[in-house]
Amino acid sequence: MGIEILRTLPAGEWAEFVAKHPHGNVFHTPEMFEVFRRTKGFAPQIWAAWQDGRILALFPVAVIWLIDGLLRSFSTRSVAFGSVLYTDDEDGRRGLRHLLEVYRRERGREVLFTELRNLSDLTPAQSILNAEGFVFQEHMNYLIDLNLTEEEIFARIGAKTRKHIRRGVNRNDVRIRTIERRDGLCEFYELLSKTYRHAGVPLSDCSLFQAALEVLGPKKMVRFSMAYVGDVPVAASADLLYKKVMYGWYGAVDRDYWKFTPNEVLTWNLLKWGSETGFHVYDFGGAGNPNEKYGVRDFKAKFGGTRVQYGRNVCVHSPAMLTVCRQAYNVTRKWWPLLRRGAVQNGIRPVQ
């Protein structure tokens, strides 16, 4: 039989394929697909190469847009947050090649570009990805080994950061709480929104985090943490949990409280918890292009993780339109909150 490209999969077979695959990650799972399905501004799709009753390649992708209505096509992109997954044999490579070929042909015109965010080393697949128009781009990340004692993990952190953590812990200025109920997400999202507004970057709708709590919470696949100074929320972290890996997903900090170093204390709390709970790795969730300045990378580097360069692969489907949209985005980025309010007043509904 030839290779079939499927758009639906039985949840059981899907989950088993990801769980058994050595590079299967949380973003490949049916649970994460369901989270995206419930999120405003997201439309997840599943693509799979299938032959002789088995999955050869898996490609969960989320179609995401910032603005509804007539301008939707100008802000729509596809992101495979966990990249592609394929069996490590000739059938798997053929399946991946055919899958990407069909995907580009059938869905390419609907989005500006498709981005694969690689969470593992895809060097063996790069020739296939590039041949199908998915060009490699440099992108860093930091992975922290949690298979160590608390003292060993702490010793790998930069000296200045260790000092800040000790001071924060000893003074007891910063308290950490976890969020387990939906009503607790209000403070979390408010702090996240403030951080993203300051950075001039659009933020996903709150329904993303509500869905994560509802779908992933009962399965212990997500952890929402908040740091407080007094009763004021000053830092936040949302982390995904799967197969003994913690994935840094979203984070926020109130710059007005930096003297308390709440982000350092919160991150240390996460690493301690992960190690004590039996997790093997903390994945910092990306550290940007190594050729560009990125303050977040400087923060993550302080925690002594292993720097990796798995990169991203991007396929541009509409080059001319993407150029126009990028120029518009760069010009309007810092004005996004004002543009959002103006759009709502004019009957256009931006997705946060």
C-alpha atoms as a PDB file:
ATOM      1  CA  MET A   1       0.000   0.000   0.000  1.00  0.00           C
ATOM      2  CA  GLY A   2       1.073   3.597  -0.624  1.00  0.00           C
ATOM      3  CA  ILE A   3       1.463   6.301   1.977  1.00  0.00           C
ATOM      4  CA  GLU A   4      -1.793   7.990   2.992  1.00  0.00           C
ATOM      5  CA  ILE A   5      -2.026  11.482   4.435  1.00  0.00           C
ATOM      6  CA  LEU A   6      -4.591  11.528   7.219  1.00  0.00           C
ATOM      7  CA  ARG A   7      -6.276  14.555   8.758  1.00  0.00           C
ATOM      8  CA  THR A   8      -7.709  12.704  11.749  1.00  0.00           C
ATOM      9  CA  LEU A   9      -6.267  10.044  14.029  1.00  0.00           C
ATOM     10  CA  PRO A  10      -7.642   7.846  16.804  1.00  0.00           C
ATOM     11  CA  ALA A  11      -6.572   9.550  20.017  1.00  0.00           C
ATOM     12  CA  GLY A  12      -5.241   6.307  21.486  1.00  0.00           C
ATOM     13  CA  GLU A  13      -2.908   5.490  18.596  1.00  0.00           C
ATOM     14  CA  TRP A  14      -1.836   9.114  18.379  1.00  0.00           C
ATOM     15  CA  ALA A  15      -0.993   9.302  22.090  1.00  0.00           C
ATOM     16  CA  GLU A  16       0.843   5.967  22.010  1.00  0.00           C
ATOM     17  CA  PHE A  17       2.992   7.008  19.035  1.00  0.00           C
ATOM     18  CA  VAL A  18       4.082  10.212  20.804  1.00  0.00           C
ATOM     19  CA  ALA A  19       4.626   8.519  24.163  1.00  0.00           C
ATOM     20  CA  LYS A  20       6.857   5.798  22.695  1.00  0.00           C
ATOM     21  CA  HIS A  21       8.817   8.028  20.342  1.00  0.00           C
ATOM     22  CA  PRO A  22      12.114   9.177  21.906  1.00  0.00           C
ATOM     23  CA  HIS A  23      11.571  12.709  20.608  1.00  0.00           C
ATOM     24  CA  GLY A  24       7.831  12.932  21.283  1.00  0.00           C
ATOM     25  CA  ASN A  25       7.112  16.097  23.259  1.00  0.00           C
ATOM     26  CA  VAL A  26       4.139  17.706  24.935  1.00  0.00           C
ATOM     27  CA  PHE A  27       3.194  19.734  21.856  1.00  0.00           C
ATOM     28  CA  HIS A  28       2.700  16.538  19.835  1.00  0.00           C
ATOM     29  CA  THR A  29       0.047  15.188  22.201  1.00  0.00           C
ATOM     30  CA  PRO A  30      -3.727  14.990  21.628  1.00  0.00           C
ATOM     31  CA  GLU A  31      -4.133  16.874  24.914  1.00  0.00           C
ATOM     32  CA  MET A  32      -2.213  19.896  23.626  1.00  0.00           C
ATOM     33  CA  PHE A  33      -4.197  19.731  20.388  1.00  0.00           C
ATOM     34  CA  GLU A  34      -7.389  19.965  22.460  1.00  0.00           C
ATOM     35  CA  VAL A  35      -6.006  22.962  24.364  1.00  0.00           C
ATOM     36  CA  PHE A  36      -5.394  24.783  21.081  1.00  0.00           C
ATOM     37  CA  ARG A  37      -8.834  23.739  19.788  1.00  0.00           C
ATOM     38  CA  ARG A  38     -10.447  25.546  22.728  1.00  0.00           C
ATOM     39  CA  THR A  39      -8.326  28.685  22.294  1.00  0.00           C
ATOM     40  CA  LYS A  40      -9.673  31.800  20.627  1.00  0.00           C
ATOM     41  CA  GLY A  41      -7.585  32.695  17.585  1.00  0.00           C
ATOM     42  CA  PHE A  42      -6.231  29.151  17.171  1.00  0.00           C
ATOM     43  CA  ALA A  43      -7.295  26.416  14.752  1.00  0.00           C
ATOM     44  CA  PRO A  44      -5.181  23.277  15.250  1.00  0.00           C
ATOM     45  CA  GLN A  45      -4.718  20.726  12.488  1.00  0.00           C
ATOM     46  CA  ILE A  46      -3.306  17.236  12.571  1.00  0.00           C
ATOM     47  CA  TRP A  47      -1.430  15.838   9.590  1.00  0.00           C
ATOM     48  CA  ALA A  48      -0.095  12.298   9.589  1.00  0.00           C
ATOM     49  CA  ALA A  49       1.599   9.970   7.113  1.00  0.00           C
ATOM     50  CA  TRP A  50       0.110   6.501   7.462  1.00  0.00           C
ATOM     51  CA  GLN A  51       1.032   3.173   5.892  1.00  0.00           C
ATOM     52  CA  ASP A  52       0.123  -0.436   6.633  1.00  0.00           C
ATOM     53  CA  GLY A  53      -1.689   0.449   9.824  1.00  0.00           C
ATOM     54  CA  ARG A  54       1.035   2.567  11.420  1.00  0.00           C
ATOM     55  CA  ILE A  55       1.981   6.209  11.742  1.00  0.00           C
ATOM     56  CA  LEU A  56       5.144   7.115   9.834  1.00  0.00           C
ATOM     57  CA  ALA A  57       5.190  10.867  10.470  1.00  0.00           C
ATOM     58  CA  LEU A  58       3.168  13.257  12.612  1.00  0.00           C
ATOM     59  CA  PHE A  59       2.688  16.989  12.104  1.00  0.00           C
ATOM     60  CA  PRO A  60       0.402  18.794  14.600  1.00  0.00           C
ATOM     61  CA  VAL A  61       0.210  22.457  13.610  1.00  0.00           C
ATOM     62  CA  ALA A  62      -1.732  25.422  14.982  1.00  0.00           C
ATOM     63  CA  VAL A  63      -3.100  28.014  12.568  1.00  0.00           C
ATOM     64  CA  ILE A  64      -2.993  31.297  14.505  1.00  0.00           C
ATOM     65  CA  TRP A  65      -4.311  34.742  13.668  1.00  0.00           C
ATOM     66  CA  LEU A  66      -4.137  38.080  15.467  1.00  0.00           C
ATOM     67  CA  ILE A  67      -7.091  39.842  13.856  1.00  0.00           C
ATOM     68  CA  ASP A  68     -10.517  38.527  12.853  1.00  0.00           C
ATOM     69  CA  GLY A  69     -12.528  39.786   9.922  1.00  0.00           C
ATOM     70  CA  LEU A  70     -11.309  41.089   6.574  1.00  0.00           C
ATOM     71  CA  LEU A  71      -7.711  41.518   7.795  1.00  0.00           C
ATOM     72  CA  ARG A  72      -7.414  37.979   9.124  1.00  0.00           C
ATOM     73  CA  SER A  73      -5.375  36.693   6.159  1.00  0.00           C
ATOM     74  CA  PHE A  74      -2.749  39.377   6.828  1.00  0.00           C
ATOM     75  CA  SER A  75      -2.040  38.049  10.330  1.00  0.00           C
ATOM     76  CA  THR A  76      -2.398  34.282   9.924  1.00  0.00           C
ATOM     77  CA  ARG A  77       0.509  31.909  10.376  1.00  0.00           C
ATOM     78  CA  SER A  78       0.975  28.259  11.234  1.00  0.00           C
ATOM     79  CA  VAL A  79       3.198  27.091  14.071  1.00  0.00           C
ATOM     80  CA  ALA A  80       4.241  23.535  14.847  1.00  0.00           C
ATOM     81  CA  PHE A  81       5.275  24.187  18.459  1.00  0.00           C
ATOM     82  CA  GLY A  82       6.826  20.728  18.766  1.00  0.00           C
ATOM     83  CA  SER A  83       7.996  20.493  15.133  1.00  0.00           C
ATOM     84  CA  VAL A  84       7.573  17.235  13.197  1.00  0.00           C
ATOM     85  CA  LEU A  85       7.874  13.657  14.401  1.00  0.00           C
ATOM     86  CA  TYR A  86       8.777  10.673  12.234  1.00  0.00           C
ATOM     87  CA  THR A  87       9.972   7.101  12.604  1.00  0.00           C
ATOM     88  CA  ASP A  88      13.724   6.681  12.350  1.00  0.00           C
ATOM     89  CA  ASP A  89      13.761   4.484   9.251  1.00  0.00           C
ATOM     90  CA  GLU A  90      13.450   4.831   5.500  1.00  0.00           C
ATOM     91  CA  ASP A  91       9.651   4.537   5.653  1.00  0.00           C
ATOM     92  CA  GLY A  92       9.535   7.370   8.177  1.00  0.00           C
ATOM     93  CA  ARG A  93      11.685   9.619   6.029  1.00  0.00           C
ATOM     94  CA  ARG A  94       9.565   8.895   2.956  1.00  0.00           C
ATOM     95  CA  GLY A  95       6.458   9.570   5.003  1.00  0.00           C
ATOM     96  CA  LEU A  96       7.796  12.890   6.247  1.00  0.00           C
ATOM     97  CA  ARG A  97       8.749  14.000   2.737  1.00  0.00           C
ATOM     98  CA  HIS A  98       5.325  13.112   1.332  1.00  0.00           C
ATOM     99  CA  LEU A  99       3.537  14.680   4.297  1.00  0.00           C
ATOM    100  CA  LEU A 100       5.262  18.051   3.915  1.00  0.00           C
ATOM    101  CA  GLU A 101       4.771  18.000   0.149  1.00  0.00           C
ATOM    102  CA  VAL A 102       1.006  17.490   0.514  1.00  0.00           C
ATOM    103  CA  TYR A 103       0.788  20.032   3.334  1.00  0.00           C
ATOM    104  CA  ARG A 104       2.462  22.760   1.276  1.00  0.00           C
ATOM    105  CA  ARG A 105       0.274  22.050  -1.730  1.00  0.00           C
ATOM    106  CA  GLU A 106      -3.038  21.943   0.138  1.00  0.00           C
ATOM    107  CA  ARG A 107      -2.612  24.475   2.932  1.00  0.00           C
ATOM    108  CA  GLY A 108       0.200  26.794   1.899  1.00  0.00           C
ATOM    109  CA  ARG A 109      -2.021  29.534   0.491  1.00  0.00           C
ATOM    110  CA  GLU A 110      -4.021  29.895   3.692  1.00  0.00           C
ATOM    111  CA  VAL A 111      -1.155  31.219   5.807  1.00  0.00           C
ATOM    112  CA  LEU A 112       1.783  33.596   5.453  1.00  0.00           C
ATOM    113  CA  PHE A 113       4.307  31.070   6.696  1.00  0.00           C
ATOM    114  CA  THR A 114       4.687  27.838   8.630  1.00  0.00           C
ATOM    115  CA  GLU A 115       7.231  27.622  11.436  1.00  0.00           C
ATOM    116  CA  LEU A 116       8.610  24.431  12.922  1.00  0.00           C
ATOM    117  CA  ARG A 117       9.964  24.977  16.431  1.00  0.00           C
ATOM    118  CA  ASN A 118      12.434  22.158  16.908  1.00  0.00           C
ATOM    119  CA  LEU A 119      12.682  20.812  20.450  1.00  0.00           C
ATOM    120  CA  SER A 120      15.188  18.117  19.536  1.00  0.00           C
ATOM    121  CA  ASP A 121      18.011  17.707  17.051  1.00  0.00           C
ATOM    122  CA  LEU A 122      16.527  17.375  13.561  1.00  0.00           C
ATOM    123  CA  THR A 123      19.845  17.352  11.735  1.00  0.00           C
ATOM    124  CA  PRO A 124      19.049  13.964  10.089  1.00  0.00           C
ATOM    125  CA  ALA A 125      15.854  15.448   8.616  1.00  0.00           C
ATOM    126  CA  GLN A 126      17.266  18.779   7.445  1.00  0.00           C
ATOM    127  CA  SER A 127      17.813  17.639   3.855  1.00  0.00           C
ATOM    128  CA  ILE A 128      14.123  16.665   3.643  1.00  0.00           C
ATOM    129  CA  LEU A 129      12.921  19.836   5.330  1.00  0.00           C
ATOM    130  CA  ASN A 130      14.989  22.094   3.093  1.00  0.00           C
ATOM    131  CA  ALA A 131      13.957  20.207  -0.049  1.00  0.00           C
ATOM    132  CA  GLU A 132      10.324  20.848   0.887  1.00  0.00           C
ATOM    133  CA  GLY A 133      10.921  24.572   1.435  1.00  0.00           C
ATOM    134  CA  PHE A 134      11.383  24.555   5.222  1.00  0.00           C
ATOM    135  CA  VAL A 135      14.577  26.565   5.627  1.00  0.00           C
ATOM    136  CA  PHE A 136      16.671  26.216   8.778  1.00  0.00           C
ATOM    137  CA  GLN A 137      17.077  29.279  10.999  1.00  0.00           C
ATOM    138  CA  GLU A 138      19.324  29.538  14.030  1.00  0.00           C
ATOM    139  CA  HIS A 139      17.546  29.542  17.371  1.00  0.00           C
ATOM    140  CA  MET A 140      19.022  28.750  20.758  1.00  0.00           C
ATOM    141  CA  ASN A 141      17.734  27.132  23.892  1.00  0.00           C
ATOM    142  CA  TYR A 142      18.975  26.100  27.337  1.00  0.00           C
ATOM    143  CA  LEU A 143      18.352  22.712  28.940  1.00  0.00           C
ATOM    144  CA  ILE A 144      18.936  22.181  32.642  1.00  0.00           C
ATOM    145  CA  ASP A 145      19.810  18.728  33.954  1.00  0.00           C
ATOM    146  CA  LEU A 146      17.548  17.911  36.897  1.00  0.00           C
ATOM    147  CA  ASN A 147      19.100  14.488  37.528  1.00  0.00           C
ATOM    148  CA  LEU A 148      21.292  16.097  40.147  1.00  0.00           C
ATOM    149  CA  THR A 149      21.104  16.957  43.796  1.00  0.00           C
ATOM    150  CA  GLU A 150      19.724  20.324  44.832  1.00  0.00           C
ATOM    151  CA  GLU A 151      23.230  21.436  45.760  1.00  0.00           C
ATOM    152  CA  GLU A 152      24.629  20.429  42.357  1.00  0.00           C
ATOM    153  CA  ILE A 153      21.886  22.244  40.446  1.00  0.00           C
ATOM    154  CA  PHE A 154      22.371  25.348  42.582  1.00  0.00           C
ATOM    155  CA  ALA A 155      26.160  25.259  42.133  1.00  0.00           C
ATOM    156  CA  ARG A 156      25.766  25.505  38.343  1.00  0.00           C
ATOM    157  CA  ILE A 157      23.879  28.780  38.611  1.00  0.00           C
ATOM    158  CA  GLY A 158      25.902  31.965  38.148  1.00  0.00           C
ATOM    159  CA  ALA A 159      27.454  33.350  41.347  1.00  0.00           C
ATOM    160  CA  LYS A 160      25.558  36.664  41.245  1.00  0.00           C
ATOM    161  CA  THR A 161      22.264  34.909  40.627  1.00  0.00           C
ATOM    162  CA  ARG A 162      22.930  32.478  43.500  1.00  0.00           C
ATOM    163  CA  LYS A 163      23.487  35.470  45.753  1.00  0.00           C
ATOM    164  CA  HIS A 164      20.169  37.002  44.672  1.00  0.00           C
ATOM    165  CA  ILE A 165      18.340  33.734  45.244  1.00  0.00           C
ATOM    166  CA  ARG A 166      19.843  33.253  48.718  1.00  0.00           C
ATOM    167  CA  ARG A 167      18.937  36.806  49.668  1.00  0.00           C
ATOM    168  CA  GLY A 168      15.377  36.395  48.397  1.00  0.00           C
ATOM    169  CA  VAL A 169      14.906  33.085  50.186  1.00  0.00           C
ATOM    170  CA  ASN A 170      16.483  34.229  53.459  1.00  0.00           C
ATOM    171  CA  ARG A 171      14.519  37.468  53.616  1.00  0.00           C
ATOM    172  CA  ASN A 172      11.323  35.620  52.746  1.00  0.00           C
ATOM    173  CA  ASP A 173      10.197  38.657  50.720  1.00  0.00           C
ATOM    174  CA  VAL A 174       8.987  36.485  47.845  1.00  0.00           C
ATOM    175  CA  ARG A 175       6.343  33.817  48.350  1.00  0.00           C
ATOM    176  CA  ILE A 176       5.444  31.203  45.730  1.00  0.00           C
ATOM    177  CA  ARG A 177       1.954  29.858  45.123  1.00  0.00           C
ATOM    178  CA  THR A 178       0.588  27.490  42.511  1.00  0.00           C
ATOM    179  CA  ILE A 179      -2.666  28.099  40.640  1.00  0.00           C
ATOM    180  CA  GLU A 180      -5.041  25.160  40.538  1.00  0.00           C
ATOM    181  CA  ARG A 181      -8.393  26.849  39.942  1.00  0.00           C
ATOM    182  CA  ARG A 182      -9.680  28.880  37.031  1.00  0.00           C
ATOM    183  CA  ASP A 183     -10.386  31.988  39.110  1.00  0.00           C
ATOM    184  CA  GLY A 184      -6.702  32.118  40.034  1.00  0.00           C
ATOM    185  CA  LEU A 185      -5.761  32.703  36.404  1.00  0.00           C
ATOM    186  CA  CYS A 186      -6.994  36.312  36.509  1.00  0.00           C
ATOM    187  CA  GLU A 187      -3.895  37.608  38.319  1.00  0.00           C
ATOM    188  CA  PHE A 188      -1.683  35.396  36.197  1.00  0.00           C
ATOM    189  CA  TYR A 189      -3.071  36.714  32.917  1.00  0.00           C
ATOM    190  CA  GLU A 190      -3.084  40.310  34.096  1.00  0.00           C
ATOM    191  CA  LEU A 191       0.642  40.139  34.927  1.00  0.00           C
ATOM    192  CA  LEU A 192       1.351  38.332  31.658  1.00  0.00           C
ATOM    193  CA  SER A 193      -0.525  41.018  29.720  1.00  0.00           C
ATOM    194  CA  LYS A 194       1.446  43.775  31.419  1.00  0.00           C
ATOM    195  CA  THR A 195       4.744  42.074  30.512  1.00  0.00           C
ATOM    196  CA  TYR A 196       3.758  41.559  26.881  1.00  0.00           C
ATOM    197  CA  ARG A 197       2.465  45.120  26.524  1.00  0.00           C
ATOM    198  CA  HIS A 198       5.815  46.398  27.765  1.00  0.00           C
ATOM    199  CA  ALA A 199       7.580  44.234  25.178  1.00  0.00           C
ATOM    200  CA  GLY A 200       5.165  45.336  22.434  1.00  0.00           C
ATOM    201  CA  VAL A 201       4.297  41.723  21.601  1.00  0.00           C
ATOM    202  CA  PRO A 202       0.745  40.406  21.106  1.00  0.00           C
ATOM    203  CA  LEU A 203      -0.349  37.848  23.681  1.00  0.00           C
ATOM    204  CA  SER A 204      -2.591  34.833  23.116  1.00  0.00           C
ATOM    205  CA  ASP A 205      -6.140  35.048  24.438  1.00  0.00           C
ATOM    206  CA  CYS A 206      -6.777  34.051  28.054  1.00  0.00           C
ATOM    207  CA  SER A 207      -8.748  31.051  26.792  1.00  0.00           C
ATOM    208  CA  LEU A 208      -5.391  29.379  26.041  1.00  0.00           C
ATOM    209  CA  PHE A 209      -4.519  29.237  29.732  1.00  0.00           C
ATOM    210  CA  GLN A 210      -8.056  28.383  30.794  1.00  0.00           C
ATOM    211  CA  ALA A 211      -8.030  25.453  28.392  1.00  0.00           C
ATOM    212  CA  ALA A 212      -4.602  24.348  29.611  1.00  0.00           C
ATOM    213  CA  LEU A 213      -5.833  24.315  33.202  1.00  0.00           C
ATOM    214  CA  GLU A 214      -9.006  22.418  32.271  1.00  0.00           C
ATOM    215  CA  VAL A 215      -7.439  19.868  29.898  1.00  0.00           C
ATOM    216  CA  LEU A 216      -3.893  19.457  31.175  1.00  0.00           C
ATOM    217  CA  GLY A 217      -4.454  20.200  34.871  1.00  0.00           C
ATOM    218  CA  PRO A 218      -6.250  16.941  35.754  1.00  0.00           C
ATOM    219  CA  LYS A 219      -3.497  14.978  33.976  1.00  0.00           C
ATOM    220  CA  LYS A 220      -0.673  16.802  35.810  1.00  0.00           C
ATOM    221  CA  MET A 221       0.634  18.149  32.503  1.00  0.00           C
ATOM    222  CA  VAL A 222       0.761  21.831  33.451  1.00  0.00           C
ATOM    223  CA  ARG A 223       1.904  23.898  36.427  1.00  0.00           C
ATOM    224  CA  PHE A 224       1.015  27.561  36.946  1.00  0.00           C
ATOM    225  CA  SER A 225       3.195  29.366  39.504  1.00  0.00           C
ATOM    226  CA  MET A 226       3.015  32.895  40.890  1.00  0.00           C
ATOM    227  CA  ALA A 227       5.491  34.850  42.996  1.00  0.00           C
ATOM    228  CA  TYR A 228       4.179  37.483  45.411  1.00  0.00           C
ATOM    229  CA  VAL A 229       5.699  40.327  47.366  1.00  0.00           C
ATOM    230  CA  GLY A 230       3.149  40.862  50.085  1.00  0.00           C
ATOM    231  CA  ASP A 231      -0.154  40.436  48.271  1.00  0.00           C
ATOM    232  CA  VAL A 232       1.157  41.763  44.968  1.00  0.00           C
ATOM    233  CA  PRO A 233       1.775  39.256  42.144  1.00  0.00           C
ATOM    234  CA  VAL A 234       5.227  40.094  40.761  1.00  0.00           C
ATOM    235  CA  ALA A 235       6.324  37.089  38.678  1.00  0.00           C
ATOM    236  CA  ALA A 236       4.594  34.194  36.958  1.00  0.00           C
ATOM    237  CA  SER A 237       5.438  31.016  35.104  1.00  0.00           C
ATOM    238  CA  ALA A 238       3.395  28.472  33.162  1.00  0.00           C
ATOM    239  CA  ASP A 239       5.229  25.188  32.626  1.00  0.00           C
ATOM    240  CA  LEU A 240       4.157  22.137  30.662  1.00  0.00           C
ATOM    241  CA  LEU A 241       4.980  18.666  31.989  1.00  0.00           C
ATOM    242  CA  TYR A 242       5.422  15.538  29.895  1.00  0.00           C
ATOM    243  CA  LYS A 243       7.606  12.425  29.990  1.00  0.00           C
ATOM    244  CA  LYS A 244       9.804  13.769  32.813  1.00  0.00           C
ATOM    245  CA  VAL A 245      10.501  17.034  30.981  1.00  0.00           C
ATOM    246  CA  MET A 246       9.408  20.471  32.205  1.00  0.00           C
ATOM    247  CA  TYR A 247       8.835  22.957  29.395  1.00  0.00           C
ATOM    248  CA  GLY A 248       9.008  26.671  30.189  1.00  0.00           C
ATOM    249  CA  TRP A 249       5.943  27.927  28.337  1.00  0.00           C
ATOM    250  CA  TYR A 250       5.029  31.478  29.415  1.00  0.00           C
ATOM    251  CA  GLY A 251       6.620  33.798  31.936  1.00  0.00           C
ATOM    252  CA  ALA A 252       6.118  37.301  33.292  1.00  0.00           C
ATOM    253  CA  VAL A 253       7.684  39.702  35.774  1.00  0.00           C
ATOM    254  CA  ASP A 254       6.704  43.103  37.152  1.00  0.00           C
ATOM    255  CA  ARG A 255       9.656  45.420  36.512  1.00  0.00           C
ATOM    256  CA  ASP A 256       8.646  47.606  39.450  1.00  0.00           C
ATOM    257  CA  TYR A 257       9.678  44.794  41.804  1.00  0.00           C
ATOM    258  CA  TRP A 258      12.985  43.773  40.242  1.00  0.00           C
ATOM    259  CA  LYS A 259      14.922  44.652  43.416  1.00  0.00           C
ATOM    260  CA  PHE A 260      13.304  41.597  45.035  1.00  0.00           C
ATOM    261  CA  THR A 261      14.548  39.399  42.123  1.00  0.00           C
ATOM    262  CA  PRO A 262      11.239  37.475  42.057  1.00  0.00           C
ATOM    263  CA  ASN A 263      11.968  35.878  38.691  1.00  0.00           C
ATOM    264  CA  GLU A 264      15.181  34.329  39.978  1.00  0.00           C
ATOM    265  CA  VAL A 265      13.481  33.040  43.121  1.00  0.00           C
ATOM    266  CA  LEU A 266      10.557  31.643  41.116  1.00  0.00           C
ATOM    267  CA  THR A 267      12.827  29.912  38.609  1.00  0.00           C
ATOM    268  CA  TRP A 268      14.879  28.347  41.391  1.00  0.00           C
ATOM    269  CA  ASN A 269      11.658  27.139  43.006  1.00  0.00           C
ATOM    270  CA  LEU A 270      10.671  25.478  39.701  1.00  0.00           C
ATOM    271  CA  LEU A 271      14.035  23.741  39.339  1.00  0.00           C
ATOM    272  CA  LYS A 272      13.922  22.461  42.919  1.00  0.00           C
ATOM    273  CA  TRP A 273      10.365  21.213  42.505  1.00  0.00           C
ATOM    274  CA  GLY A 274      11.197  19.497  39.237  1.00  0.00           C
ATOM    275  CA  SER A 275      14.213  17.731  40.669  1.00  0.00           C
ATOM    276  CA  GLU A 276      12.348  16.625  43.797  1.00  0.00           C
ATOM    277  CA  THR A 277       9.393  15.389  41.737  1.00  0.00           C
ATOM    278  CA  GLY A 278      11.506  13.203  39.459  1.00  0.00           C
ATOM    279  CA  PHE A 279      11.779  15.289  36.297  1.00  0.00           C
ATOM    280  CA  HIS A 280      14.945  14.870  34.259  1.00  0.00           C
ATOM    281  CA  VAL A 281      15.171  18.117  32.272  1.00  0.00           C
ATOM    282  CA  TYR A 282      13.986  21.703  32.448  1.00  0.00           C
ATOM    283  CA  ASP A 283      13.586  23.043  28.905  1.00  0.00           C
ATOM    284  CA  PHE A 284      13.721  26.851  29.012  1.00  0.00           C
ATOM    285  CA  GLY A 285      11.505  27.151  25.927  1.00  0.00           C
ATOM    286  CA  GLY A 286      13.871  29.019  23.618  1.00  0.00           C
ATOM    287  CA  ALA A 287      16.526  31.707  23.854  1.00  0.00           C
ATOM    288  CA  GLY A 288      16.244  33.507  20.539  1.00  0.00           C
ATOM    289  CA  ASN A 289      18.507  33.998  17.562  1.00  0.00           C
ATOM    290  CA  PRO A 290      22.149  33.917  18.727  1.00  0.00           C
ATOM    291  CA  ASN A 291      22.995  36.769  16.345  1.00  0.00           C
ATOM    292  CA  GLU A 292      20.484  39.159  17.911  1.00  0.00           C
ATOM    293  CA  LYS A 293      20.395  40.786  21.342  1.00  0.00           C
ATOM    294  CA  TYR A 294      17.788  39.195  23.566  1.00  0.00           C
ATOM    295  CA  GLY A 295      17.500  40.065  27.229  1.00  0.00           C
ATOM    296  CA  VAL A 296      15.496  36.942  28.030  1.00  0.00           C
ATOM    297  CA  ARG A 297      18.427  34.821  26.822  1.00  0.00           C
ATOM    298  CA  ASP A 298      20.744  36.584  29.261  1.00  0.00           C
ATOM    299  CA  PHE A 299      18.395  35.713  32.105  1.00  0.00           C
ATOM    300  CA  LYS A 300      18.121  32.040  31.126  1.00  0.00           C
ATOM    301  CA  ALA A 301      21.867  31.694  30.612  1.00  0.00           C
ATOM    302  CA  LYS A 302      22.445  32.561  34.290  1.00  0.00           C
ATOM    303  CA  PHE A 303      21.012  29.223  35.404  1.00  0.00           C
ATOM    304  CA  GLY A 304      23.856  27.131  34.037  1.00  0.00           C
ATOM    305  CA  GLY A 305      22.011  24.981  31.536  1.00  0.00           C
ATOM    306  CA  THR A 306      23.439  23.345  28.440  1.00  0.00           C
ATOM    307  CA  ARG A 307      23.135  25.570  25.399  1.00  0.00           C
ATOM    308  CA  VAL A 308      21.641  23.810  22.369  1.00  0.00           C
ATOM    309  CA  GLN A 309      21.020  24.959  18.813  1.00  0.00           C
ATOM    310  CA  TYR A 310      18.085  22.949  17.493  1.00  0.00           C
ATOM    311  CA  GLY A 311      16.866  25.945  15.506  1.00  0.00           C
ATOM    312  CA  ARG A 312      13.655  26.424  13.611  1.00  0.00           C
ATOM    313  CA  ASN A 313      12.556  25.640  10.073  1.00  0.00           C
ATOM    314  CA  VAL A 314      10.373  28.128   8.255  1.00  0.00           C
ATOM    315  CA  CYS A 315       8.448  27.777   5.007  1.00  0.00           C
ATOM    316  CA  VAL A 316       7.230  31.090   3.569  1.00  0.00           C
ATOM    317  CA  HIS A 317       4.076  30.557   1.524  1.00  0.00           C
ATOM    318  CA  SER A 318       3.377  34.179   0.555  1.00  0.00           C
ATOM    319  CA  PRO A 319       6.729  36.048   0.363  1.00  0.00           C
ATOM    320  CA  ALA A 320       5.386  39.377  -0.913  1.00  0.00           C
ATOM    321  CA  MET A 321       2.531  39.558   1.589  1.00  0.00           C
ATOM    322  CA  LEU A 322       4.813  38.464   4.424  1.00  0.00           C
ATOM    323  CA  THR A 323       7.256  41.296   3.635  1.00  0.00           C
ATOM    324  CA  VAL A 324       4.463  43.857   3.797  1.00  0.00           C
ATOM    325  CA  CYS A 325       3.083  42.393   7.021  1.00  0.00           C
ATOM    326  CA  ARG A 326       6.505  42.316   8.711  1.00  0.00           C
ATOM    327  CA  GLN A 327       7.139  45.939   7.850  1.00  0.00           C
ATOM    328  CA  ALA A 328       3.736  46.894   9.209  1.00  0.00           C
ATOM    329  CA  TYR A 329       4.343  44.859  12.362  1.00  0.00           C
ATOM    330  CA  ASN A 330       7.724  46.493  13.016  1.00  0.00           C
ATOM    331  CA  VAL A 331       6.212  49.956  12.590  1.00  0.00           C
ATOM    332  CA  THR A 332       3.154  49.321  14.740  1.00  0.00           C
ATOM    333  CA  ARG A 333       4.591  46.969  17.353  1.00  0.00           C
ATOM    334  CA  LYS A 334       4.848  49.457  20.196  1.00  0.00           C
ATOM    335  CA  TRP A 335       1.419  50.829  19.330  1.00  0.00           C
ATOM    336  CA  TRP A 336      -0.290  47.443  19.517  1.00  0.00           C
ATOM    337  CA  PRO A 337      -2.407  48.196  22.634  1.00  0.00           C
ATOM    338  CA  LEU A 338      -3.732  51.408  21.030  1.00  0.00           C
ATOM    339  CA  LEU A 339      -4.344  49.670  17.710  1.00  0.00           C
ATOM    340  CA  ARG A 340      -6.195  46.918  19.487  1.00  0.00           C
ATOM    341  CA  ARG A 341      -8.552  49.370  21.190  1.00  0.00           C
ATOM    342  CA  GLY A 342      -9.104  51.242  17.956  1.00  0.00           C
ATOM    343  CA  ALA A 343      -9.829  48.048  16.070  1.00  0.00           C
ATOM    344  CA  VAL A 344     -12.448  46.990  18.600  1.00  0.00           C
ATOM    345  CA  GLN A 345     -14.117  50.399  18.339  1.00  0.00           C
ATOM    346  CA  ASN A 346     -14.304  49.931  14.568  1.00  0.00           C
ATOM    347  CA  GLY A 347     -15.846  46.487  14.751  1.00  0.00           C
ATOM    348  CA  ILE A 348     -12.684  44.461  14.145  1.00  0.00           C
ATOM    349  CA  ARG A 349     -11.870  41.916  16.804  1.00  0.00           C
ATOM    350  CA  PRO A 350      -8.145  41.388  17.389  1.00  0.00           C
ATOM    351  CA  VAL A 351      -7.151  38.182  19.109  1.00  0.00           C
ATOM    352  CA  GLN A 352      -4.807  38.883  22.038  1.00  0.00           C
END
